[in-house]
């Protein structure tokens, strides 16, 4: 396998910094990083982004179990997630799969998320989900190779300041 090109965020001046800055803003919304990481993994699974799925394992925190990571694709039937995480995962799926249904984010999903998260936290989740979708689209479109970026100097610099180290 070979990537079509470098990730566009690395080629367009200021793009990587802007994306990282927006991710940091989303992290400040009060949603636990553990939840944001699960959301990132689930969205990346849906979009088939091997780079981001790979990163979820590489940067797994000690407080998160392999069972949670391995079963996030089947979160509805797995006992490892609390109600707030389930609401965040349902919202992530709805926002990611907007074209799959006539009402992309049904009231049932929204209301359940709003039951667990305040307005600032919901804003954080929506930004996080949207940014993950952007990363996924950049990586998948340009056929980035899982594991390759994680070994690069850019990755080392990025992980020093990103969600992966928190």
Protein backbone atom coordinates (compact mmCIF):
# COMPACT_ATOMS: atom_id res chain seq x y z
CA UNK A 1 0.00 0.00 0.00
CA UNK A 2 1.05 3.52 -0.65
CA UNK A 3 -0.60 6.80 0.24
CA UNK A 4 -1.75 8.96 -2.66
CA UNK A 5 -0.14 11.99 -1.06
CA UNK A 6 0.66 13.41 2.37
CA UNK A 7 -2.30 14.30 4.52
CA UNK A 8 -3.64 17.64 3.20
CA UNK A 9 -3.59 19.13 6.70
CA UNK A 10 0.19 18.73 6.60
CA UNK A 11 0.52 20.35 3.19
CA UNK A 12 -1.68 23.42 3.47
CA UNK A 13 0.05 26.08 5.58
CA UNK A 14 -1.67 26.55 8.92
CA UNK A 15 -4.20 23.74 8.42
CA UNK A 16 -2.68 21.31 10.93
CA UNK A 17 -2.38 24.01 13.57
CA UNK A 18 -5.97 25.12 12.97
CA UNK A 19 -7.28 21.55 13.26
CA UNK A 20 -5.27 20.94 16.42
CA UNK A 21 -6.44 24.22 17.91
CA UNK A 22 -10.09 23.38 17.28
CA UNK A 23 -9.58 19.91 18.77
CA UNK A 24 -8.10 21.47 21.90
CA UNK A 25 -11.13 23.77 22.13
CA UNK A 26 -13.44 20.76 21.88
CA UNK A 27 -11.50 19.06 24.68
CA UNK A 28 -12.27 22.01 26.99
CA UNK A 29 -16.04 21.53 26.80
CA UNK A 30 -16.27 19.31 29.86
CA UNK A 31 -16.73 15.91 28.21
CA UNK A 32 -14.38 13.32 29.70
CA UNK A 33 -11.42 12.58 27.43
CA UNK A 34 -12.21 8.90 27.82
CA UNK A 35 -15.60 9.53 26.19
CA UNK A 36 -14.12 11.68 23.42
CA UNK A 37 -11.63 8.91 22.65
CA UNK A 38 -14.43 6.34 22.35
CA UNK A 39 -16.36 8.68 20.07
CA UNK A 40 -13.25 9.22 17.93
CA UNK A 41 -12.77 5.46 17.59
CA UNK A 42 -16.42 4.76 16.74
CA UNK A 43 -16.62 7.49 14.09
CA UNK A 44 -13.34 6.27 12.61
CA UNK A 45 -14.64 2.69 12.47
CA UNK A 46 -17.78 3.84 10.65
CA UNK A 47 -15.71 5.81 8.13
CA UNK A 48 -13.14 3.06 7.64
CA UNK A 49 -10.23 5.25 8.72
CA UNK A 50 -7.51 2.73 9.54
CA UNK A 51 -5.13 5.50 10.65
CA UNK A 52 -7.46 6.74 13.39
CA UNK A 53 -8.52 3.24 14.45
CA UNK A 54 -4.82 2.35 14.73
CA UNK A 55 -4.14 5.50 16.76
CA UNK A 56 -6.88 4.57 19.23
CA UNK A 57 -4.95 1.44 20.13
CA UNK A 58 -1.50 3.04 20.04
CA UNK A 59 -2.49 5.86 22.38
CA UNK A 60 -4.81 3.88 24.64
CA UNK A 61 -4.75 5.13 28.20
CA UNK A 62 -4.07 2.71 31.03
CA UNK A 63 -7.51 3.44 32.52
CA UNK A 64 -9.24 2.21 29.37
CA UNK A 65 -9.52 -1.52 28.84
CA UNK A 66 -8.95 -3.49 25.69
CA UNK A 67 -12.51 -4.80 26.08
CA UNK A 68 -13.89 -1.28 25.70
CA UNK A 69 -11.79 -0.58 22.61
CA UNK A 70 -12.54 -3.94 21.03
CA UNK A 71 -16.28 -3.71 21.63
CA UNK A 72 -16.93 -0.06 20.80
CA UNK A 73 -18.20 -1.18 17.37
CA UNK A 74 -20.86 -3.20 19.23
CA UNK A 75 -21.41 -0.76 22.09
CA UNK A 76 -25.17 -1.34 22.22
CA UNK A 77 -24.66 -4.97 23.26
CA UNK A 78 -21.48 -4.63 25.32
CA UNK A 79 -21.60 -4.11 29.10
CA UNK A 80 -18.52 -1.86 29.26
CA UNK A 81 -20.14 1.54 28.64
CA UNK A 82 -22.16 3.79 30.92
CA UNK A 83 -25.34 5.59 29.87
CA UNK A 84 -23.57 8.89 29.14
CA UNK A 85 -21.01 7.14 26.91
CA UNK A 86 -23.81 5.30 25.11
CA UNK A 87 -25.59 8.61 24.47
CA UNK A 88 -22.36 10.11 23.10
CA UNK A 89 -21.78 7.08 20.86
CA UNK A 90 -25.36 7.20 19.54
CA UNK A 91 -24.95 10.91 18.77
CA UNK A 92 -21.62 10.19 17.07
CA UNK A 93 -23.18 7.58 14.84
CA UNK A 94 -26.12 9.81 13.92
CA UNK A 95 -23.92 12.81 13.08
CA UNK A 96 -21.54 10.62 11.07
CA UNK A 97 -24.28 8.83 9.14
CA UNK A 98 -26.38 11.89 8.32
CA UNK A 99 -27.42 10.71 4.86
CA UNK A 100 -28.62 7.30 6.08
CA UNK A 101 -32.01 8.47 7.38
CA UNK A 102 -34.59 11.17 6.69
CA UNK A 103 -34.15 12.67 10.18
CA UNK A 104 -30.35 12.51 10.56
CA UNK A 105 -30.27 13.23 14.30
CA UNK A 106 -33.65 12.16 15.67
CA UNK A 107 -35.06 13.79 18.80
CA UNK A 108 -34.70 10.49 20.66
CA UNK A 109 -30.92 10.50 20.17
CA UNK A 110 -30.59 14.23 20.81
CA UNK A 111 -32.73 14.16 23.95
CA UNK A 112 -30.78 11.24 25.39
CA UNK A 113 -27.50 13.07 24.80
CA UNK A 114 -28.98 16.25 26.32
CA UNK A 115 -30.01 14.25 29.38
CA UNK A 116 -26.35 13.46 30.08
CA UNK A 117 -24.56 16.53 28.75
CA UNK A 118 -25.16 20.26 29.18
CA UNK A 119 -25.13 22.67 26.25
CA UNK A 120 -21.37 23.32 26.39
CA UNK A 121 -20.66 19.60 26.56
CA UNK A 122 -23.00 18.94 23.63
CA UNK A 123 -21.17 21.63 21.67
CA UNK A 124 -17.89 19.93 22.52
CA UNK A 125 -19.21 16.55 21.39
CA UNK A 126 -20.53 17.95 18.11
CA UNK A 127 -17.22 19.68 17.38
CA UNK A 128 -15.29 16.52 18.28
CA UNK A 129 -17.48 14.30 16.10
CA UNK A 130 -17.26 16.75 13.21
CA UNK A 131 -13.48 17.07 13.49
CA UNK A 132 -13.07 13.31 13.63
CA UNK A 133 -15.10 13.09 10.44
CA UNK A 134 -12.78 15.66 8.84
CA UNK A 135 -9.66 13.72 9.88
CA UNK A 136 -11.23 10.50 8.60
CA UNK A 137 -12.11 12.03 5.25
CA UNK A 138 -8.61 13.43 4.80
CA UNK A 139 -6.98 10.11 5.67
CA UNK A 140 -9.33 7.86 3.71
CA UNK A 141 -9.38 10.05 0.59
CA UNK A 142 -5.60 10.19 0.40
CA UNK A 143 -5.23 6.54 1.47
CA UNK A 144 -3.03 7.21 4.44
CA UNK A 145 -1.42 4.03 5.80
CA UNK A 146 -2.19 2.91 9.34
CA UNK A 147 0.92 2.91 11.48
CA UNK A 148 3.05 4.95 9.07
CA UNK A 149 2.08 8.35 10.36
CA UNK A 150 2.42 7.21 13.98
CA UNK A 151 6.14 6.56 13.34
CA UNK A 152 6.83 9.95 11.79
CA UNK A 153 8.46 13.02 13.32
CA UNK A 154 5.21 14.90 12.69
CA UNK A 155 3.34 12.37 14.82
CA UNK A 156 5.78 12.72 17.68
CA UNK A 157 5.36 16.49 17.62
CA UNK A 158 1.58 16.18 17.29
CA UNK A 159 1.18 13.71 20.14
CA UNK A 160 3.10 16.00 22.46
CA UNK A 161 0.29 18.57 22.15
CA UNK A 162 -2.77 16.53 21.19
CA UNK A 163 -5.60 14.63 22.82
CA UNK A 164 -3.58 11.43 22.55
CA UNK A 165 -1.37 12.41 25.48
CA UNK A 166 -4.06 13.58 27.87
